[in-house]
Amino acid sequence: MKKRKLAAWIFTVVYGFVGWFIYGLARMVSSGNEYIYIGFVCIAIGLTVNYFILNIHKRMAKKWTWILVGVIFIVPSLLYGSYDWYIRSIEIANAEVDLSTYQPHKQGADLARLEEPATFQLEEDLPELDGATALYPVYAAFAEAVYPEGTYGYDDHSESPVTVSKTNGAFQRLSRFQADIIFTAGPSEQQQQALKQMKKTAIGKEAFVFFVHKDNPVDSLTLKQLKGMYSGEITNWEEVGGRDQNIIAFQRPEGSGSQTGLQNMMGETPIMDPPKDQRVDGMGGVIEKASDYRNHRNSIGFSYRFFATKMVEDHNIKLLNINGIVPSVHHIKSGEYPLTGKFYSITNGTKNPHVEPFIDWILSSQGQKLIEETGYIPVKEPGLPAE
C-alpha cells in the first residue's frame, strides 16, 4: 500500500506539471472559455488514475466503480456548463445597430435631409469616408447630400466610399491612407501618434453619458463618484445612494471612441483593469446588458447620448445626471453638462482635392443643419464662425 501511495504522489506531481502546461497552452489558444473545461477534465483524469493506482476500485462493487468514474467526468461538464452559462448571462452579445437603415441613397433610409440641393456636389474622386458607429448617420447624411446616387454598403471597403470600421478600425485605415476623412470623437494618444499629418476639425458637439437600468434608484452621480467607480475605489451602489449591490462597471476595448471618452473623463486617475466579462466590444451590447433587469440592474455603462437614446431602441436604461445636470440638448449647447465634447472630421495628409472643400461645406449652414437634424449639436449657428 505504501508503494501505491508513493506511486500516487509521484504521478500527482508529474501529472500536475503536465496538466498545468496543457491548461496554460489551452488558455493561450482558446478563443473562448474552453480552457476552463480542459482544466476540469485534467483534474478528472488525475483523480481517475489515482483511483486505480490506489486500488480503490477493488474495494468497491464494479458497478459503483463505473458510476464513480462516470460522475468524475460528468461533474467537469456540469461545472463548465454552469460557468459558461454565467459568463454568457453577463457577456456582451453582438448587439450592434442595424446600420443598413442609414445607408446613403437607400430607399427608406432614416437620414436627415436638406430641403434644397447641397451647394457642394461631387461626381467623381469621392473622398473615402469612415468613422465611429455612432457618427455613421451624420456622415452618411453628408454623403447622400453630396455624392451621386448609388449603392453605398457600410461594410464594403472595396466598393463603397462610405463605410463604418468603428473608431479603432477607422484610425487604422486613416493611418494606412485607406480613408480620406474619418469622423470620430477624437483620437487616443496612441492613435494620434500613428497619424503623422493629422488634421482634425470640430464639426459638432455631443454628450458623453453614463447609464444604468431604469429601476436603479440612483439618478445622478458626481464626476468624483464616477471616477471612484472606474478606479475601483467605489464598489457598491450603497456608497452612492443605491441598493446594497456590487457595481458592475462595463468598459470598452482600448482605442474605441467611448473608451477614449472614459479616459478623458478620468484624467490622471488610473482606470481599473476590468474583468474579462466586463469588457465590451460594441456599444449596443453594453446597453443591452445594462437594461437586463435580471442580471444587470447593478451595472453601469457609458456611451454617447445620440447612440444610447436614438440608435438603440427598446431598452430599459436611463441616462444619469452628472453633477446634477441633465444631458439634454440645451445643456450641451450651453456647455453646462460637464461631459460635453466635440466630434471631428479627421484627415491624415490625403491627396484627394475634394477633401478640404467637403469639410468647408460640412461647416456651412447646410452641413451644420444636417448635424442638427440628425440629432447632434452643431458647432456653429448659421452665419457664425465655427468654434
Protein backbone atom coordinates (compact mmCIF):
# COMPACT_ATOMS: atom_id res chain seq x y z
CA MET A 1 0.00 0.00 0.00
CA LYS A 2 2.92 2.33 0.78
CA LYS A 3 4.29 1.75 -2.72
CA ARG A 4 0.92 2.61 -4.23
CA LYS A 5 0.68 5.80 -2.16
CA LEU A 6 4.20 6.76 -3.26
CA ALA A 7 3.25 5.99 -6.86
CA ALA A 8 0.13 8.13 -6.48
CA TRP A 9 2.20 11.03 -5.12
CA ILE A 10 4.74 10.74 -7.92
CA PHE A 11 2.01 10.58 -10.54
CA THR A 12 0.21 13.57 -9.00
CA VAL A 13 3.36 15.72 -9.03
CA VAL A 14 4.41 14.77 -12.57
CA TYR A 15 0.89 14.91 -13.93
CA GLY A 16 0.34 18.21 -12.12
CA PHE A 17 3.16 19.82 -14.10
CA VAL A 18 1.94 18.27 -17.36
CA GLY A 19 -1.67 19.22 -16.64
CA TRP A 20 -0.68 22.79 -15.76
CA PHE A 21 1.21 23.05 -19.06
CA ILE A 22 -1.78 21.72 -21.01
CA TYR A 23 -4.09 24.14 -19.19
CA GLY A 24 -1.77 27.08 -19.88
CA LEU A 25 -1.45 26.16 -23.54
CA ALA A 26 -5.23 25.83 -23.85
CA ARG A 27 -5.67 29.23 -22.25
CA MET A 28 -3.37 30.83 -24.83
CA VAL A 29 -5.00 29.29 -27.90
CA SER A 30 -8.59 29.15 -26.68
CA SER A 31 -10.96 31.58 -28.43
CA GLY A 32 -13.44 31.49 -25.55
CA ASN A 33 -13.66 29.87 -22.14
CA GLU A 34 -12.91 26.34 -23.36
CA TYR A 35 -9.69 26.26 -21.33
CA ILE A 36 -11.85 26.14 -18.17
CA TYR A 37 -13.38 22.88 -19.35
CA ILE A 38 -9.95 21.47 -20.22
CA GLY A 39 -8.78 22.34 -16.70
CA PHE A 40 -11.72 20.46 -15.20
CA VAL A 41 -11.05 17.43 -17.45
CA CYS A 42 -7.37 17.38 -16.43
CA ILE A 43 -8.42 17.25 -12.79
CA ALA A 44 -10.90 14.46 -13.55
CA ILE A 45 -8.22 12.40 -15.32
CA GLY A 46 -5.85 12.84 -12.38
CA LEU A 47 -8.49 11.69 -9.88
CA THR A 48 -9.42 8.68 -12.02
CA VAL A 49 -5.84 7.48 -12.43
CA ASN A 50 -5.17 7.83 -8.71
CA TYR A 51 -8.41 5.95 -8.05
CA PHE A 52 -6.96 2.93 -9.86
CA ILE A 53 -3.36 3.36 -8.63
CA LEU A 54 -4.58 3.17 -5.04
CA ASN A 55 -6.72 0.11 -5.84
CA ILE A 56 -9.82 1.81 -4.51
CA HIS A 57 -11.81 0.10 -7.28
CA LYS A 58 -11.05 -3.31 -5.76
CA ARG A 59 -12.77 -2.30 -2.53
CA MET A 60 -15.98 -1.35 -4.31
CA ALA A 61 -18.52 -3.18 -6.40
CA LYS A 62 -17.74 -2.98 -10.11
CA LYS A 63 -20.91 -1.06 -10.94
CA TRP A 64 -20.05 1.59 -8.33
CA THR A 65 -16.61 1.96 -9.86
CA TRP A 66 -18.07 2.79 -13.23
CA ILE A 67 -20.68 5.07 -11.66
CA LEU A 68 -17.95 6.92 -9.76
CA VAL A 69 -15.74 7.27 -12.85
CA GLY A 70 -18.76 8.49 -14.78
CA VAL A 71 -19.52 11.08 -12.11
CA ILE A 72 -15.90 12.26 -12.09
CA PHE A 73 -16.12 13.01 -15.80
CA ILE A 74 -19.70 14.32 -15.76
CA VAL A 75 -19.01 16.83 -12.98
CA PRO A 76 -16.48 18.84 -15.08
CA SER A 77 -19.09 19.14 -17.81
CA LEU A 78 -21.66 20.35 -15.29
CA LEU A 79 -19.22 22.77 -13.72
CA TYR A 80 -18.15 24.15 -17.08
CA GLY A 81 -21.76 24.34 -18.24
CA SER A 82 -22.66 26.34 -15.14
CA TYR A 83 -19.66 28.60 -15.53
CA ASP A 84 -20.32 29.11 -19.23
CA TRP A 85 -23.97 29.93 -18.52
CA TYR A 86 -22.89 32.56 -16.01
CA ILE A 87 -20.40 34.12 -18.42
CA ARG A 88 -22.98 34.19 -21.20
CA SER A 89 -25.50 35.78 -18.85
CA ILE A 90 -23.23 38.81 -18.41
CA GLU A 91 -21.20 38.54 -21.59
CA ILE A 92 -21.91 41.21 -24.14
CA ALA A 93 -23.58 39.75 -27.17
CA ASN A 94 -23.18 41.21 -30.62
CA ALA A 95 -25.99 43.71 -30.26
CA GLU A 96 -24.88 46.32 -32.75
CA VAL A 97 -27.34 48.61 -34.51
CA ASP A 98 -28.68 47.72 -37.95
CA LEU A 99 -26.65 50.29 -39.87
CA SER A 100 -28.30 49.40 -43.16
CA THR A 101 -31.14 51.72 -42.13
CA TYR A 102 -28.74 54.68 -42.51
CA GLN A 103 -27.18 53.87 -45.89
CA PRO A 104 -26.98 56.85 -48.28
CA HIS A 105 -29.39 56.83 -51.21
CA LYS A 106 -31.19 53.77 -49.87
CA GLN A 107 -34.94 53.85 -50.12
CA GLY A 108 -36.47 54.35 -46.67
CA ALA A 109 -33.12 55.20 -45.06
CA ASP A 110 -33.52 57.04 -41.76
CA LEU A 111 -31.29 60.01 -42.63
CA ALA A 112 -31.52 63.75 -42.14
CA ARG A 113 -32.08 65.52 -45.47
CA LEU A 114 -31.90 69.05 -46.81
CA GLU A 115 -34.95 70.72 -48.30
CA GLU A 116 -32.83 72.02 -51.17
CA PRO A 117 -29.90 70.56 -53.16
CA ALA A 118 -26.50 70.80 -51.48
CA THR A 119 -24.37 73.71 -52.63
CA PHE A 120 -21.41 71.32 -52.86
CA GLN A 121 -21.73 68.35 -55.21
CA LEU A 122 -19.33 65.61 -56.27
CA GLU A 123 -19.50 63.14 -59.16
CA GLU A 124 -16.03 61.56 -59.12
CA ASP A 125 -12.91 61.20 -56.95
CA LEU A 126 -15.21 60.76 -53.98
CA PRO A 127 -13.37 61.03 -50.65
CA GLU A 128 -13.29 57.73 -48.72
CA LEU A 129 -15.30 58.25 -45.54
CA ASP A 130 -15.11 56.09 -42.42
CA GLY A 131 -15.70 56.51 -38.72
CA ALA A 132 -17.40 55.63 -35.48
CA THR A 133 -20.64 53.68 -35.43
CA ALA A 134 -22.45 56.45 -33.57
CA LEU A 135 -21.48 59.04 -36.21
CA TYR A 136 -22.43 56.99 -39.28
CA PRO A 137 -25.90 58.63 -39.51
CA VAL A 138 -24.16 62.02 -39.70
CA TYR A 139 -21.58 61.36 -42.39
CA ALA A 140 -24.00 59.12 -44.30
CA ALA A 141 -26.29 62.16 -44.46
CA PHE A 142 -23.37 64.23 -45.76
CA ALA A 143 -22.70 61.61 -48.44
CA GLU A 144 -26.32 61.44 -49.55
CA ALA A 145 -26.41 65.22 -49.95
CA VAL A 146 -23.08 65.47 -51.81
CA TYR A 147 -22.34 62.13 -53.51
CA PRO A 148 -24.11 60.81 -56.63
CA GLU A 149 -26.82 58.19 -56.32
CA GLY A 150 -25.55 54.64 -55.99
CA THR A 151 -25.12 51.72 -53.61
CA TYR A 152 -23.01 52.55 -50.56
CA GLY A 153 -22.52 49.42 -48.45
CA TYR A 154 -21.32 50.43 -44.99
CA ASP A 155 -19.12 47.32 -44.66
CA ASP A 156 -17.78 47.09 -48.22
CA HIS A 157 -14.39 48.82 -48.21
CA SER A 158 -13.51 47.65 -51.71
CA GLU A 159 -16.55 49.15 -53.43
CA SER A 160 -18.12 51.77 -51.18
CA PRO A 161 -16.55 55.16 -50.28
CA VAL A 162 -18.80 55.44 -47.20
CA THR A 163 -18.10 52.70 -44.64
CA VAL A 164 -18.02 52.01 -40.90
CA SER A 165 -14.94 50.44 -39.33
CA LYS A 166 -15.69 51.73 -35.82
CA THR A 167 -13.32 54.19 -34.18
CA ASN A 168 -10.23 52.00 -33.85
CA GLY A 169 -10.58 50.49 -37.32
CA ALA A 170 -11.20 53.91 -38.86
CA PHE A 171 -7.99 55.29 -37.34
CA GLN A 172 -6.07 52.28 -38.62
CA ARG A 173 -7.42 52.83 -42.14
CA LEU A 174 -6.62 56.54 -41.92
CA SER A 175 -3.04 55.81 -40.83
CA ARG A 176 -2.65 53.49 -43.85
CA PHE A 177 -4.13 56.15 -46.20
CA GLN A 178 -7.08 53.88 -46.97
CA ALA A 179 -9.56 56.55 -45.83
CA ASP A 180 -9.52 60.27 -46.63
CA ILE A 181 -11.75 61.53 -43.81
CA ILE A 182 -12.88 59.79 -40.65
CA PHE A 183 -15.49 61.01 -38.21
CA THR A 184 -14.88 60.29 -34.53
CA ALA A 185 -14.91 61.87 -31.10
CA GLY A 186 -11.14 62.31 -31.22
CA PRO A 187 -8.04 60.12 -31.09
CA SER A 188 -6.40 58.40 -28.15
CA GLU A 189 -2.72 59.18 -27.56
CA GLN A 190 -1.68 56.00 -29.37
CA GLN A 191 -3.93 56.73 -32.35
CA GLN A 192 -2.64 60.29 -32.55
CA GLN A 193 0.98 59.11 -32.63
CA ALA A 194 0.20 56.92 -35.65
CA LEU A 195 -1.05 59.92 -37.67
CA LYS A 196 1.94 61.98 -38.79
CA GLN A 197 -0.12 64.54 -40.74
CA MET A 198 -3.28 64.58 -38.66
CA LYS A 199 -5.65 67.50 -39.03
CA LYS A 200 -8.86 67.46 -37.03
CA THR A 201 -11.74 69.86 -37.44
CA ALA A 202 -14.51 70.16 -34.88
CA ILE A 203 -17.85 69.80 -36.66
CA GLY A 204 -20.31 69.04 -33.84
CA LYS A 205 -20.90 68.54 -30.14
CA GLU A 206 -22.18 65.60 -28.16
CA ALA A 207 -22.59 64.46 -24.57
CA PHE A 208 -20.62 61.57 -23.12
CA VAL A 209 -23.20 59.84 -20.94
CA PHE A 210 -23.41 57.16 -18.28
CA PHE A 211 -26.46 54.98 -17.93
CA VAL A 212 -27.95 52.40 -15.59
CA HIS A 213 -31.03 50.19 -15.60
CA LYS A 214 -34.19 52.24 -15.26
CA ASP A 215 -35.03 50.53 -11.95
CA ASN A 216 -31.75 51.57 -10.37
CA PRO A 217 -32.71 54.18 -7.71
CA VAL A 218 -29.61 56.26 -8.47
CA ASP A 219 -30.44 59.16 -10.81
CA SER A 220 -27.37 61.35 -10.50
CA LEU A 221 -23.66 60.95 -9.86
CA THR A 222 -20.85 63.42 -9.44
CA LEU A 223 -17.69 63.30 -11.50
CA LYS A 224 -15.84 62.34 -8.33
CA GLN A 225 -18.17 59.37 -7.79
CA LEU A 226 -17.78 58.23 -11.40
CA LYS A 227 -14.02 58.37 -11.09
CA GLY A 228 -14.30 56.37 -7.88
CA MET A 229 -16.33 53.67 -9.64
CA TYR A 230 -13.99 53.35 -12.60
CA SER A 231 -10.85 53.47 -10.49
CA GLY A 232 -12.18 50.69 -8.25
CA GLU A 233 -12.45 52.81 -5.10
CA ILE A 234 -16.27 52.67 -5.07
CA THR A 235 -17.52 49.12 -5.48
CA ASN A 236 -21.05 49.12 -4.03
CA TRP A 237 -24.08 51.13 -5.11
CA GLU A 238 -24.89 51.75 -1.46
CA GLU A 239 -21.90 54.11 -1.34
CA VAL A 240 -23.63 56.47 -3.80
CA GLY A 241 -27.19 56.22 -2.52
CA GLY A 242 -28.28 52.98 -4.20
CA ARG A 243 -29.02 49.44 -3.10
CA ASP A 244 -26.53 47.18 -1.35
CA GLN A 245 -25.22 45.62 -4.58
CA ASN A 246 -21.80 45.30 -6.15
CA ILE A 247 -21.22 47.64 -9.08
CA ILE A 248 -20.64 46.04 -12.50
CA ALA A 249 -18.79 48.77 -14.41
CA PHE A 250 -18.60 47.81 -18.06
CA GLN A 251 -15.76 49.12 -20.23
CA ARG A 252 -14.89 49.15 -23.93
CA PRO A 253 -11.72 47.94 -25.66
CA GLU A 254 -8.69 50.22 -25.81
CA GLY A 255 -8.89 52.60 -28.77
CA SER A 256 -12.68 52.61 -29.06
CA GLY A 257 -14.24 56.06 -29.11
CA SER A 258 -16.19 55.71 -25.90
CA GLN A 259 -13.23 54.18 -24.02
CA THR A 260 -11.20 57.21 -25.06
CA GLY A 261 -14.07 59.31 -23.70
CA LEU A 262 -13.77 57.49 -20.39
CA GLN A 263 -10.02 58.06 -20.32
CA ASN A 264 -10.54 61.76 -20.99
CA MET A 265 -13.03 61.96 -18.12
CA MET A 266 -10.73 60.09 -15.72
CA GLY A 267 -7.76 62.37 -16.46
CA GLU A 268 -4.88 61.43 -14.19
CA THR A 269 -6.99 58.95 -12.18
CA PRO A 270 -6.00 55.37 -13.13
CA ILE A 271 -8.77 53.23 -14.62
CA MET A 272 -9.15 49.82 -13.04
CA ASP A 273 -8.45 46.79 -15.21
CA PRO A 274 -11.92 45.26 -15.72
CA PRO A 275 -12.66 41.53 -15.55
CA LYS A 276 -12.75 39.90 -18.97
CA ASP A 277 -16.53 39.54 -18.78
CA GLN A 278 -16.97 43.28 -18.16
CA ARG A 279 -15.16 44.47 -21.30
CA VAL A 280 -17.45 45.18 -24.22
CA ASP A 281 -16.82 45.06 -27.97
CA GLY A 282 -19.85 47.04 -29.11
CA MET A 283 -21.73 49.92 -27.53
CA GLY A 284 -25.04 48.30 -28.40
CA GLY A 285 -24.13 45.28 -26.31
CA VAL A 286 -23.41 47.19 -23.13
CA ILE A 287 -26.75 48.97 -23.43
CA GLU A 288 -28.49 45.63 -23.93
CA LYS A 289 -26.95 44.12 -20.83
CA ALA A 290 -27.37 47.21 -18.66
CA SER A 291 -31.07 47.03 -19.49
CA ASP A 292 -31.33 43.35 -18.50
CA TYR A 293 -33.12 43.60 -15.15
CA ARG A 294 -32.46 40.03 -14.05
CA ASN A 295 -28.69 40.15 -14.36
CA HIS A 296 -27.59 43.73 -14.76
CA ARG A 297 -29.69 46.03 -12.66
CA ASN A 298 -26.47 46.75 -10.76
CA SER A 299 -24.42 47.66 -13.84
CA ILE A 300 -23.27 50.98 -15.24
CA GLY A 301 -22.15 51.71 -18.77
CA PHE A 302 -21.19 54.65 -20.93
CA SER A 303 -21.77 55.81 -24.47
CA TYR A 304 -22.76 58.92 -26.38
CA ARG A 305 -26.20 60.43 -25.96
CA PHE A 306 -27.41 60.07 -29.54
CA PHE A 307 -26.33 56.44 -29.83
CA ALA A 308 -27.83 55.46 -26.47
CA THR A 309 -31.15 57.21 -27.00
CA LYS A 310 -31.74 57.17 -30.77
CA MET A 311 -29.77 54.40 -32.47
CA VAL A 312 -30.54 51.69 -29.87
CA GLU A 313 -34.23 51.18 -29.22
CA ASP A 314 -36.39 49.02 -26.95
CA HIS A 315 -34.07 49.26 -23.97
CA ASN A 316 -34.68 49.89 -20.28
CA ILE A 317 -31.83 52.21 -19.45
CA LYS A 318 -31.83 55.73 -18.09
CA LEU A 319 -29.16 58.35 -18.52
CA LEU A 320 -27.64 59.64 -15.32
CA ASN A 321 -27.43 63.31 -14.47
CA ILE A 322 -23.83 64.34 -13.86
CA ASN A 323 -23.22 66.87 -11.09
CA GLY A 324 -26.99 67.31 -11.13
CA ILE A 325 -27.07 68.38 -14.81
CA VAL A 326 -29.29 66.55 -17.31
CA PRO A 327 -27.50 65.58 -20.58
CA SER A 328 -30.05 67.50 -22.68
CA VAL A 329 -29.59 69.38 -25.94
CA HIS A 330 -29.99 72.65 -24.02
CA HIS A 331 -27.26 71.80 -21.51
CA ILE A 332 -24.94 70.51 -24.25
CA LYS A 333 -25.35 73.72 -26.24
CA SER A 334 -24.76 75.86 -23.17
CA GLY A 335 -21.80 73.75 -22.01
CA GLU A 336 -23.39 73.25 -18.57
CA TYR A 337 -23.34 69.47 -18.90
CA PRO A 338 -19.82 68.66 -17.64
CA LEU A 339 -19.09 65.85 -20.11
CA THR A 340 -19.85 67.76 -23.29
CA GLY A 341 -17.31 67.15 -26.02
CA LYS A 342 -16.75 67.78 -29.71
CA PHE A 343 -16.57 65.31 -32.55
CA TYR A 344 -14.36 65.81 -35.55
CA SER A 345 -13.61 65.25 -39.18
CA ILE A 346 -10.02 63.97 -39.21
CA THR A 347 -7.60 63.73 -42.12
CA ASN A 348 -4.03 62.50 -42.46
CA GLY A 349 -2.36 64.13 -45.45
CA THR A 350 -4.85 62.95 -48.06
CA LYS A 351 -4.15 63.84 -51.71
CA ASN A 352 -7.84 63.99 -52.64
CA PRO A 353 -8.51 67.57 -53.80
CA HIS A 354 -12.15 67.44 -52.72
CA VAL A 355 -11.48 66.86 -49.02
CA GLU A 356 -10.91 70.44 -47.89
CA PRO A 357 -13.94 71.83 -49.81
CA PHE A 358 -16.03 68.98 -48.39
CA ILE A 359 -15.06 69.85 -44.82
CA ASP A 360 -15.72 73.53 -45.53
CA TRP A 361 -19.20 72.55 -46.70
CA ILE A 362 -19.75 70.48 -43.52
CA LEU A 363 -19.09 73.68 -41.57
CA SER A 364 -21.51 75.62 -43.75
CA SER A 365 -25.12 76.24 -42.77
CA GLN A 366 -26.22 73.17 -44.80
CA GLY A 367 -23.70 70.79 -43.22
CA GLN A 368 -24.45 72.08 -39.74
CA LYS A 369 -28.17 71.75 -40.45
CA LEU A 370 -27.70 68.05 -41.22
CA ILE A 371 -25.82 67.60 -37.95
CA GLU A 372 -28.65 69.26 -36.07
CA GLU A 373 -31.39 67.37 -37.93
CA THR A 374 -29.61 64.07 -37.25
CA GLY A 375 -29.79 64.72 -33.52
CA TYR A 376 -26.38 66.09 -32.67
CA ILE A 377 -25.44 69.66 -31.76
CA PRO A 378 -23.70 71.81 -34.42
CA VAL A 379 -20.56 73.72 -33.52
CA LYS A 380 -21.90 76.88 -35.12
CA GLU A 381 -25.19 78.55 -35.85
CA PRO A 382 -25.85 79.78 -39.41
CA GLY A 383 -23.88 82.94 -40.01
CA LEU A 384 -21.49 82.41 -37.11
CA PRO A 385 -17.88 81.15 -37.31
CA ALA A 386 -17.11 77.58 -36.20
CA GLU A 387 -15.64 77.12 -32.75
